[in-house]
């Protein structure tokens, strides 16, 4: 049997990860709901590209701010991806979770506040808000700033994971 110039053995090697020992498919096609959500996200991306030509033009980088990108590009994308019955919400602006402030004071004697990030996606529980993830935006992308922001986001991700585990284990 030949399929796109493949022998049967070659086709078997390619398709084997999708089939288990009993020859049942392990991969399932996306559900109708997932397809609908993806279409909503794609429509939002097209709208963002169409309505933000000035912002996305590399020649205008000196005339826009990092918050222009956060509010007009990233916020709509994240909202279209994470609009789940109002359980998640975004917090923009240089903010830091209360627990991060306490942890940072414990680790660094001269610390007044936690590591501030440009945008946070938060999960609302009955008692509290919990950080799901953080995003950092910067106008200047020099290597030092990039390294600093990556390290800050990694510390933030670790703190988010620690706080989530503490909340779950209570």
N, C-alpha and C. Protein backbone atom coordinates (compact mmCIF):
# COMPACT_ATOMS: atom_id res chain seq x y z
N UNK A 1 0.84 -1.18 0.00
CA UNK A 1 0.00 0.00 0.00
C UNK A 1 0.89 1.25 0.00
N UNK A 2 0.54 2.20 -0.83
CA UNK A 2 1.30 3.45 -0.88
C UNK A 2 0.37 4.61 -0.57
N UNK A 3 0.86 5.50 0.25
CA UNK A 3 0.10 6.69 0.59
C UNK A 3 1.08 7.85 0.60
N UNK A 4 0.93 8.75 -0.34
CA UNK A 4 1.85 9.87 -0.48
C UNK A 4 3.30 9.40 -0.54
N UNK A 5 3.55 8.41 -1.37
CA UNK A 5 4.88 7.86 -1.56
C UNK A 5 5.47 7.26 -0.28
N UNK A 6 4.64 6.74 0.60
CA UNK A 6 5.09 6.07 1.82
C UNK A 6 4.79 4.58 1.71
N UNK A 7 5.69 3.79 2.25
CA UNK A 7 5.41 2.36 2.32
C UNK A 7 4.50 2.11 3.52
N UNK A 8 3.97 0.92 3.61
CA UNK A 8 3.12 0.57 4.74
C UNK A 8 3.85 0.68 6.06
N UNK A 9 5.13 0.26 6.09
CA UNK A 9 5.91 0.35 7.33
C UNK A 9 6.14 1.80 7.75
N UNK A 10 6.44 2.67 6.78
CA UNK A 10 6.66 4.08 7.10
C UNK A 10 5.37 4.72 7.62
N UNK A 11 4.26 4.39 7.00
CA UNK A 11 2.98 4.92 7.45
C UNK A 11 2.66 4.43 8.86
N UNK A 12 2.97 3.17 9.14
CA UNK A 12 2.75 2.60 10.48
C UNK A 12 3.59 3.34 11.53
N UNK A 13 4.85 3.67 11.20
CA UNK A 13 5.71 4.38 12.14
C UNK A 13 5.16 5.77 12.44
N UNK A 14 4.61 6.42 11.44
CA UNK A 14 4.07 7.76 11.63
C UNK A 14 2.78 7.72 12.42
N UNK A 15 1.92 6.74 12.15
CA UNK A 15 0.60 6.71 12.78
C UNK A 15 0.59 5.98 14.12
N UNK A 16 1.63 5.26 14.47
CA UNK A 16 1.65 4.48 15.70
C UNK A 16 1.37 5.31 16.95
N UNK A 17 1.93 6.53 17.10
CA UNK A 17 1.62 7.29 18.32
C UNK A 17 0.14 7.60 18.50
N UNK A 18 -0.64 7.57 17.42
CA UNK A 18 -2.05 7.89 17.52
C UNK A 18 -2.92 6.67 17.83
N UNK A 19 -2.34 5.48 17.83
CA UNK A 19 -3.11 4.25 18.02
C UNK A 19 -2.48 3.44 19.15
N UNK A 20 -3.29 2.95 20.08
CA UNK A 20 -2.73 2.14 21.17
C UNK A 20 -2.68 0.67 20.77
N UNK A 21 -2.33 -0.19 21.73
CA UNK A 21 -2.14 -1.62 21.43
C UNK A 21 -3.40 -2.29 20.94
N UNK A 22 -4.55 -1.84 21.39
CA UNK A 22 -5.81 -2.44 20.95
C UNK A 22 -6.31 -1.81 19.65
N UNK A 23 -5.52 -0.95 19.06
CA UNK A 23 -5.83 -0.30 17.79
C UNK A 23 -6.98 0.70 17.91
N UNK A 24 -7.14 1.26 19.10
CA UNK A 24 -8.13 2.31 19.29
C UNK A 24 -7.42 3.65 19.17
N UNK A 25 -8.10 4.62 18.63
CA UNK A 25 -7.48 5.93 18.50
C UNK A 25 -7.31 6.57 19.87
N UNK A 26 -6.10 7.07 20.12
CA UNK A 26 -5.86 7.82 21.36
C UNK A 26 -6.17 9.29 21.15
N UNK A 27 -5.97 9.77 19.95
CA UNK A 27 -6.22 11.17 19.66
C UNK A 27 -7.69 11.35 19.32
N UNK A 28 -8.34 12.29 19.96
CA UNK A 28 -9.73 12.58 19.66
C UNK A 28 -9.81 13.95 19.02
N UNK A 29 -10.66 14.06 18.04
CA UNK A 29 -10.85 15.35 17.39
C UNK A 29 -11.44 16.35 18.38
N UNK A 30 -11.11 17.62 18.22
CA UNK A 30 -11.64 18.62 19.15
C UNK A 30 -13.17 18.63 19.13
N UNK A 31 -13.75 18.90 20.28
CA UNK A 31 -15.20 18.95 20.39
C UNK A 31 -15.73 20.19 19.68
N UNK A 32 -17.04 20.24 19.53
CA UNK A 32 -17.69 21.38 18.88
C UNK A 32 -17.40 22.65 19.67
N UNK A 33 -17.44 22.56 21.01
CA UNK A 33 -17.23 23.73 21.85
C UNK A 33 -15.81 24.27 21.67
N UNK A 34 -14.82 23.39 21.60
CA UNK A 34 -13.43 23.83 21.42
C UNK A 34 -13.26 24.49 20.06
N UNK A 35 -13.86 23.91 19.03
CA UNK A 35 -13.78 24.52 17.69
C UNK A 35 -14.41 25.91 17.70
N UNK A 36 -15.54 26.04 18.38
CA UNK A 36 -16.21 27.34 18.45
C UNK A 36 -15.32 28.36 19.17
N UNK A 37 -14.69 27.97 20.28
CA UNK A 37 -13.80 28.87 21.01
C UNK A 37 -12.61 29.29 20.15
N UNK A 38 -12.04 28.35 19.39
CA UNK A 38 -10.92 28.67 18.51
C UNK A 38 -11.34 29.67 17.44
N UNK A 39 -12.54 29.51 16.90
CA UNK A 39 -13.03 30.45 15.90
C UNK A 39 -13.22 31.84 16.51
N UNK A 40 -13.68 31.91 17.73
CA UNK A 40 -13.82 33.20 18.42
C UNK A 40 -12.45 33.86 18.58
N UNK A 41 -11.45 33.08 18.97
CA UNK A 41 -10.10 33.61 19.15
C UNK A 41 -9.53 34.09 17.81
N UNK A 42 -9.71 33.30 16.76
CA UNK A 42 -9.22 33.71 15.43
C UNK A 42 -9.91 34.99 14.96
N UNK A 43 -11.21 35.10 15.18
CA UNK A 43 -11.93 36.32 14.80
C UNK A 43 -11.39 37.51 15.57
N UNK A 44 -11.11 37.32 16.85
CA UNK A 44 -10.55 38.40 17.67
C UNK A 44 -9.16 38.81 17.18
N UNK A 45 -8.32 37.84 16.81
CA UNK A 45 -6.99 38.15 16.28
C UNK A 45 -7.08 38.95 14.99
N UNK A 46 -7.98 38.56 14.10
CA UNK A 46 -8.15 39.29 12.84
C UNK A 46 -8.61 40.71 13.13
N UNK A 47 -9.56 40.88 14.05
CA UNK A 47 -10.05 42.21 14.41
C UNK A 47 -8.92 43.06 15.00
N UNK A 48 -8.10 42.47 15.85
CA UNK A 48 -6.98 43.21 16.47
C UNK A 48 -6.00 43.68 15.40
N UNK A 49 -5.67 42.81 14.47
CA UNK A 49 -4.73 43.17 13.41
C UNK A 49 -5.32 44.27 12.53
N UNK A 50 -6.61 44.17 12.20
CA UNK A 50 -7.26 45.17 11.36
C UNK A 50 -7.38 46.53 12.03
N UNK A 51 -7.63 46.55 13.33
CA UNK A 51 -7.90 47.82 14.00
C UNK A 51 -6.67 48.45 14.66
N UNK A 52 -5.53 47.78 14.62
CA UNK A 52 -4.33 48.31 15.26
C UNK A 52 -3.14 48.40 14.31
N UNK A 53 -3.41 48.85 13.10
CA UNK A 53 -2.35 48.95 12.08
C UNK A 53 -1.25 49.90 12.56
N UNK A 54 -1.63 51.04 13.13
CA UNK A 54 -0.64 52.01 13.61
C UNK A 54 0.23 51.39 14.70
N UNK A 55 -0.40 50.71 15.63
CA UNK A 55 0.31 50.12 16.76
C UNK A 55 1.26 49.01 16.33
N UNK A 56 0.88 48.25 15.31
CA UNK A 56 1.68 47.12 14.86
C UNK A 56 2.74 47.49 13.83
N UNK A 57 2.76 48.73 13.38
CA UNK A 57 3.75 49.19 12.41
C UNK A 57 5.09 49.41 13.12
N UNK A 58 6.15 48.68 12.73
CA UNK A 58 7.46 48.84 13.39
C UNK A 58 8.01 50.26 13.32
N UNK A 59 7.56 51.05 12.37
CA UNK A 59 8.03 52.43 12.26
C UNK A 59 7.47 53.35 13.34
N UNK A 60 6.49 52.89 14.08
CA UNK A 60 5.85 53.73 15.10
C UNK A 60 6.23 53.34 16.53
N UNK A 61 7.29 52.58 16.70
CA UNK A 61 7.63 52.10 18.05
C UNK A 61 7.94 53.23 19.02
N UNK A 62 8.45 54.35 18.54
CA UNK A 62 8.77 55.45 19.44
C UNK A 62 7.52 56.22 19.87
N UNK A 63 6.41 55.99 19.18
CA UNK A 63 5.19 56.75 19.45
C UNK A 63 4.14 55.98 20.24
N UNK A 64 4.45 54.76 20.62
CA UNK A 64 3.49 53.97 21.40
C UNK A 64 4.14 53.51 22.71
N UNK A 65 3.32 53.18 23.68
CA UNK A 65 3.84 52.74 24.98
C UNK A 65 3.58 51.25 25.16
N UNK A 66 4.22 50.68 26.18
CA UNK A 66 3.99 49.26 26.46
C UNK A 66 2.54 49.03 26.87
N UNK A 67 1.91 50.01 27.51
CA UNK A 67 0.51 49.83 27.91
C UNK A 67 -0.44 49.90 26.73
N UNK A 68 -0.03 50.58 25.65
CA UNK A 68 -0.83 50.52 24.41
C UNK A 68 -0.92 49.07 23.94
N UNK A 69 0.21 48.38 23.98
CA UNK A 69 0.22 46.97 23.56
C UNK A 69 -0.59 46.09 24.52
N UNK A 70 -0.43 46.33 25.81
CA UNK A 70 -1.15 45.51 26.79
C UNK A 70 -2.65 45.68 26.62
N UNK A 71 -3.11 46.91 26.58
CA UNK A 71 -4.56 47.16 26.57
C UNK A 71 -5.21 46.90 25.22
N UNK A 72 -4.49 47.15 24.12
CA UNK A 72 -5.12 47.02 22.81
C UNK A 72 -4.79 45.72 22.08
N UNK A 73 -3.72 45.05 22.46
CA UNK A 73 -3.34 43.80 21.80
C UNK A 73 -3.53 42.61 22.75
N UNK A 74 -2.79 42.60 23.86
CA UNK A 74 -2.79 41.43 24.74
C UNK A 74 -4.09 41.23 25.49
N UNK A 75 -4.67 42.29 26.02
CA UNK A 75 -5.91 42.14 26.81
C UNK A 75 -7.04 41.51 25.99
N UNK A 76 -7.32 41.97 24.77
CA UNK A 76 -8.39 41.32 24.00
C UNK A 76 -8.07 39.86 23.65
N UNK A 77 -6.80 39.57 23.37
CA UNK A 77 -6.43 38.17 23.06
C UNK A 77 -6.67 37.29 24.29
N UNK A 78 -6.19 37.74 25.44
CA UNK A 78 -6.36 36.94 26.66
C UNK A 78 -7.82 36.81 27.06
N UNK A 79 -8.60 37.88 26.86
CA UNK A 79 -10.04 37.79 27.16
C UNK A 79 -10.73 36.78 26.26
N UNK A 80 -10.37 36.76 24.99
CA UNK A 80 -11.01 35.80 24.09
C UNK A 80 -10.60 34.37 24.41
N UNK A 81 -9.40 34.18 24.94
CA UNK A 81 -8.94 32.84 25.31
C UNK A 81 -9.51 32.38 26.65
N UNK A 82 -9.70 33.30 27.57
CA UNK A 82 -10.00 32.93 28.95
C UNK A 82 -11.31 33.45 29.49
N UNK A 83 -12.27 33.71 28.65
CA UNK A 83 -13.56 34.20 29.11
C UNK A 83 -14.38 33.01 29.61
N UNK A 84 -14.19 32.64 30.87
CA UNK A 84 -14.82 31.44 31.43
C UNK A 84 -15.77 31.86 32.55
N UNK A 85 -16.97 32.23 32.22
CA UNK A 85 -18.04 32.52 33.19
C UNK A 85 -17.63 33.51 34.27
N UNK A 86 -16.76 34.44 33.97
CA UNK A 86 -16.37 35.45 34.95
C UNK A 86 -15.50 34.95 36.08
N UNK A 87 -14.99 33.73 35.99
CA UNK A 87 -14.15 33.18 37.05
C UNK A 87 -12.75 33.76 36.97
N UNK A 88 -12.30 34.09 35.77
CA UNK A 88 -10.98 34.68 35.58
C UNK A 88 -11.13 36.15 35.25
N UNK A 89 -10.22 36.96 35.75
CA UNK A 89 -10.19 38.36 35.34
C UNK A 89 -8.74 38.83 35.25
N UNK A 90 -8.55 39.95 34.56
CA UNK A 90 -7.21 40.50 34.37
C UNK A 90 -7.02 41.71 35.26
N UNK A 91 -5.79 41.91 35.67
CA UNK A 91 -5.40 43.10 36.40
C UNK A 91 -4.22 43.69 35.65
N UNK A 92 -4.38 44.91 35.14
CA UNK A 92 -3.31 45.55 34.39
C UNK A 92 -2.64 46.61 35.26
N UNK A 93 -1.50 47.06 34.81
CA UNK A 93 -0.74 48.04 35.56
C UNK A 93 0.27 47.32 36.44
N UNK A 94 1.26 48.03 36.88
CA UNK A 94 2.30 47.43 37.71
C UNK A 94 1.69 46.99 39.03
N UNK A 95 1.42 45.70 39.15
CA UNK A 95 0.80 45.18 40.36
C UNK A 95 1.54 43.94 40.83
N UNK A 96 1.30 43.62 42.09
CA UNK A 96 1.96 42.47 42.68
C UNK A 96 1.02 41.88 43.73
N UNK A 97 0.90 40.54 43.79
CA UNK A 97 -0.01 39.93 44.76
C UNK A 97 0.48 40.13 46.19
N UNK A 98 -0.46 40.19 47.14
CA UNK A 98 -0.12 40.43 48.54
C UNK A 98 0.84 39.37 49.08
N UNK A 99 0.62 38.11 48.73
CA UNK A 99 1.49 37.04 49.22
C UNK A 99 2.92 37.22 48.72
N UNK A 100 3.07 37.72 47.49
CA UNK A 100 4.39 37.96 46.91
C UNK A 100 5.15 38.99 47.74
N UNK A 101 4.45 40.00 48.24
CA UNK A 101 5.09 41.04 49.05
C UNK A 101 5.65 40.42 50.33
N UNK A 102 4.84 39.58 50.99
CA UNK A 102 5.28 38.92 52.23
C UNK A 102 6.48 38.02 51.96
N UNK A 103 6.40 37.22 50.89
CA UNK A 103 7.50 36.31 50.55
C UNK A 103 8.78 37.07 50.22
N UNK A 104 8.64 38.17 49.50
CA UNK A 104 9.83 38.93 49.12
C UNK A 104 10.47 39.57 50.34
N UNK A 105 9.66 40.07 51.27
CA UNK A 105 10.23 40.66 52.49
C UNK A 105 10.99 39.60 53.29
N UNK A 106 10.50 38.37 53.26
CA UNK A 106 11.17 37.28 53.97
C UNK A 106 12.52 36.96 53.30
N UNK A 107 12.57 37.04 51.97
CA UNK A 107 13.79 36.68 51.23
C UNK A 107 14.79 37.82 51.13
N UNK A 108 14.30 39.04 50.98
CA UNK A 108 15.18 40.20 50.77
C UNK A 108 14.88 41.22 51.87
N UNK A 109 15.86 41.54 52.67
CA UNK A 109 15.63 42.42 53.82
C UNK A 109 15.24 43.84 53.42
N UNK A 110 15.70 44.30 52.26
CA UNK A 110 15.42 45.68 51.86
C UNK A 110 14.18 45.80 50.98
N UNK A 111 13.42 44.75 50.82
CA UNK A 111 12.28 44.77 49.91
C UNK A 111 11.08 45.48 50.53
N UNK A 112 10.47 46.36 49.75
CA UNK A 112 9.25 47.04 50.18
C UNK A 112 8.01 46.43 49.53
N UNK A 113 8.17 46.01 48.29
CA UNK A 113 7.03 45.43 47.57
C UNK A 113 7.49 44.18 46.84
N UNK A 114 6.52 43.43 46.35
CA UNK A 114 6.83 42.24 45.55
C UNK A 114 7.24 42.64 44.14
N UNK A 115 7.53 41.65 43.33
CA UNK A 115 7.91 41.92 41.95
C UNK A 115 6.66 42.34 41.18
N UNK A 116 6.68 43.55 40.65
CA UNK A 116 5.52 44.06 39.94
C UNK A 116 5.57 43.60 38.49
N UNK A 117 4.41 43.19 37.97
CA UNK A 117 4.31 42.77 36.58
C UNK A 117 3.25 43.60 35.88
N UNK A 118 3.30 43.62 34.55
CA UNK A 118 2.43 44.48 33.77
C UNK A 118 0.99 43.99 33.70
N UNK A 119 0.79 42.68 33.65
CA UNK A 119 -0.57 42.14 33.54
C UNK A 119 -0.62 40.81 34.27
N UNK A 120 -1.69 40.60 35.02
CA UNK A 120 -1.88 39.33 35.72
C UNK A 120 -3.26 38.78 35.39
N UNK A 121 -3.34 37.48 35.21
CA UNK A 121 -4.62 36.81 35.03
C UNK A 121 -4.92 36.12 36.35
N UNK A 122 -6.08 36.45 36.92
CA UNK A 122 -6.42 35.99 38.26
C UNK A 122 -7.64 35.09 38.25
N UNK A 123 -7.63 34.10 39.13
CA UNK A 123 -8.76 33.21 39.35
C UNK A 123 -9.47 33.67 40.61
N UNK A 124 -10.78 33.85 40.54
CA UNK A 124 -11.56 34.29 41.69
C UNK A 124 -12.15 33.10 42.43
N UNK A 125 -11.76 32.94 43.68
CA UNK A 125 -12.41 31.94 44.53
C UNK A 125 -13.32 32.70 45.49
N UNK A 126 -13.98 31.99 46.37
CA UNK A 126 -14.91 32.66 47.29
C UNK A 126 -14.21 33.67 48.19
N UNK A 127 -13.04 33.29 48.69
CA UNK A 127 -12.37 34.16 49.65
C UNK A 127 -11.32 35.08 49.04
N UNK A 128 -10.77 34.71 47.89
CA UNK A 128 -9.55 35.36 47.46
C UNK A 128 -9.43 35.37 45.95
N UNK A 129 -8.41 36.05 45.48
CA UNK A 129 -8.03 35.95 44.07
C UNK A 129 -6.67 35.28 44.01
N UNK A 130 -6.51 34.38 43.05
CA UNK A 130 -5.27 33.61 42.92
C UNK A 130 -4.67 33.87 41.55
N UNK A 131 -3.38 34.11 41.51
CA UNK A 131 -2.71 34.38 40.25
C UNK A 131 -2.63 33.11 39.41
N UNK A 132 -3.09 33.20 38.16
CA UNK A 132 -2.95 32.09 37.22
C UNK A 132 -1.65 32.26 36.44
N UNK A 133 -1.41 33.47 35.94
CA UNK A 133 -0.12 33.75 35.30
C UNK A 133 0.10 35.24 35.20
N UNK A 134 1.33 35.61 34.86
CA UNK A 134 1.73 37.01 34.76
C UNK A 134 2.35 37.27 33.40
N UNK A 135 2.22 38.50 32.94
CA UNK A 135 2.79 38.91 31.66
C UNK A 135 3.54 40.21 31.90
N UNK A 136 4.70 40.33 31.32
CA UNK A 136 5.51 41.54 31.45
C UNK A 136 5.68 42.15 30.07
N UNK A 137 5.41 43.43 29.96
CA UNK A 137 5.58 44.12 28.68
C UNK A 137 6.65 45.19 28.85
N UNK A 138 7.48 45.35 27.83
CA UNK A 138 8.53 46.35 27.87
C UNK A 138 8.75 46.91 26.48
N UNK A 139 8.99 48.18 26.42
CA UNK A 139 9.23 48.82 25.13
C UNK A 139 10.62 48.50 24.62
N UNK A 140 11.62 48.57 25.49
CA UNK A 140 13.00 48.29 25.09
C UNK A 140 13.27 46.81 25.28
N UNK A 141 13.72 46.16 24.22
CA UNK A 141 13.96 44.72 24.30
C UNK A 141 15.43 44.36 24.34
N UNK A 142 16.24 45.14 25.07
CA UNK A 142 17.67 44.82 25.12
C UNK A 142 17.88 43.54 25.94
N UNK A 143 19.02 42.87 25.74
CA UNK A 143 19.25 41.58 26.41
C UNK A 143 19.18 41.64 27.94
N UNK A 144 19.66 42.71 28.55
CA UNK A 144 19.61 42.82 30.01
C UNK A 144 18.17 42.87 30.50
N UNK A 145 17.35 43.70 29.86
CA UNK A 145 15.94 43.84 30.24
C UNK A 145 15.21 42.52 30.03
N UNK A 146 15.49 41.86 28.93
CA UNK A 146 14.85 40.58 28.63
C UNK A 146 15.19 39.54 29.70
N UNK A 147 16.46 39.45 30.06
CA UNK A 147 16.90 38.51 31.10
C UNK A 147 16.25 38.85 32.44
N UNK A 148 16.22 40.13 32.79
CA UNK A 148 15.61 40.57 34.04
C UNK A 148 14.13 40.20 34.08
N UNK A 149 13.41 40.47 32.99
CA UNK A 149 11.97 40.18 32.96
C UNK A 149 11.69 38.69 32.99
N UNK A 150 12.50 37.90 32.30
CA UNK A 150 12.31 36.44 32.33
C UNK A 150 12.52 35.91 33.74
N UNK A 151 13.56 36.39 34.41
CA UNK A 151 13.81 35.96 35.80
C UNK A 151 12.66 36.38 36.71
N UNK A 152 12.16 37.59 36.53
CA UNK A 152 11.04 38.07 37.34
C UNK A 152 9.80 37.20 37.11
N UNK A 153 9.52 36.86 35.85
CA UNK A 153 8.35 36.03 35.55
C UNK A 153 8.51 34.61 36.07
N UNK A 154 9.74 34.11 36.06
CA UNK A 154 9.97 32.77 36.61
C UNK A 154 9.75 32.76 38.12
N UNK A 155 10.21 33.81 38.81
CA UNK A 155 9.96 33.90 40.26
C UNK A 155 8.46 34.04 40.53
N UNK A 156 7.81 34.83 39.71
CA UNK A 156 6.36 35.02 39.84
C UNK A 156 5.62 33.70 39.61
N UNK A 157 6.03 32.94 38.60
CA UNK A 157 5.39 31.64 38.32
C UNK A 157 5.59 30.68 39.48
N UNK A 158 6.79 30.68 40.06
CA UNK A 158 7.05 29.82 41.22
C UNK A 158 6.17 30.23 42.40
N UNK A 159 6.07 31.53 42.66
CA UNK A 159 5.20 32.00 43.74
C UNK A 159 3.74 31.64 43.48
N UNK A 160 3.30 31.77 42.22
CA UNK A 160 1.92 31.41 41.87
C UNK A 160 1.67 29.93 42.13
N UNK A 161 2.61 29.10 41.73
CA UNK A 161 2.46 27.66 41.94
C UNK A 161 2.45 27.32 43.43
N UNK A 162 3.36 27.94 44.20
CA UNK A 162 3.39 27.71 45.65
C UNK A 162 2.07 28.12 46.30
N UNK A 163 1.56 29.29 45.93
CA UNK A 163 0.30 29.77 46.51
C UNK A 163 -0.87 28.87 46.13
N UNK A 164 -0.89 28.39 44.89
CA UNK A 164 -1.96 27.49 44.45
C UNK A 164 -1.91 26.19 45.21
N UNK A 165 -0.72 25.63 45.37
CA UNK A 165 -0.58 24.38 46.12
C UNK A 165 -0.98 24.56 47.58
N UNK A 166 -0.60 25.68 48.19
CA UNK A 166 -1.00 25.93 49.58
C UNK A 166 -2.51 26.03 49.70
N UNK A 167 -3.15 26.68 48.73
CA UNK A 167 -4.61 26.83 48.75
C UNK A 167 -5.29 25.47 48.58
N UNK A 168 -4.77 24.64 47.69
CA UNK A 168 -5.36 23.32 47.44
C UNK A 168 -5.19 22.41 48.64
N UNK A 169 -4.03 22.48 49.28
CA UNK A 169 -3.72 21.56 50.38
C UNK A 169 -4.34 21.98 51.72
N UNK A 170 -4.97 23.15 51.79
CA UNK A 170 -5.60 23.59 53.05
C UNK A 170 -6.80 22.74 53.39
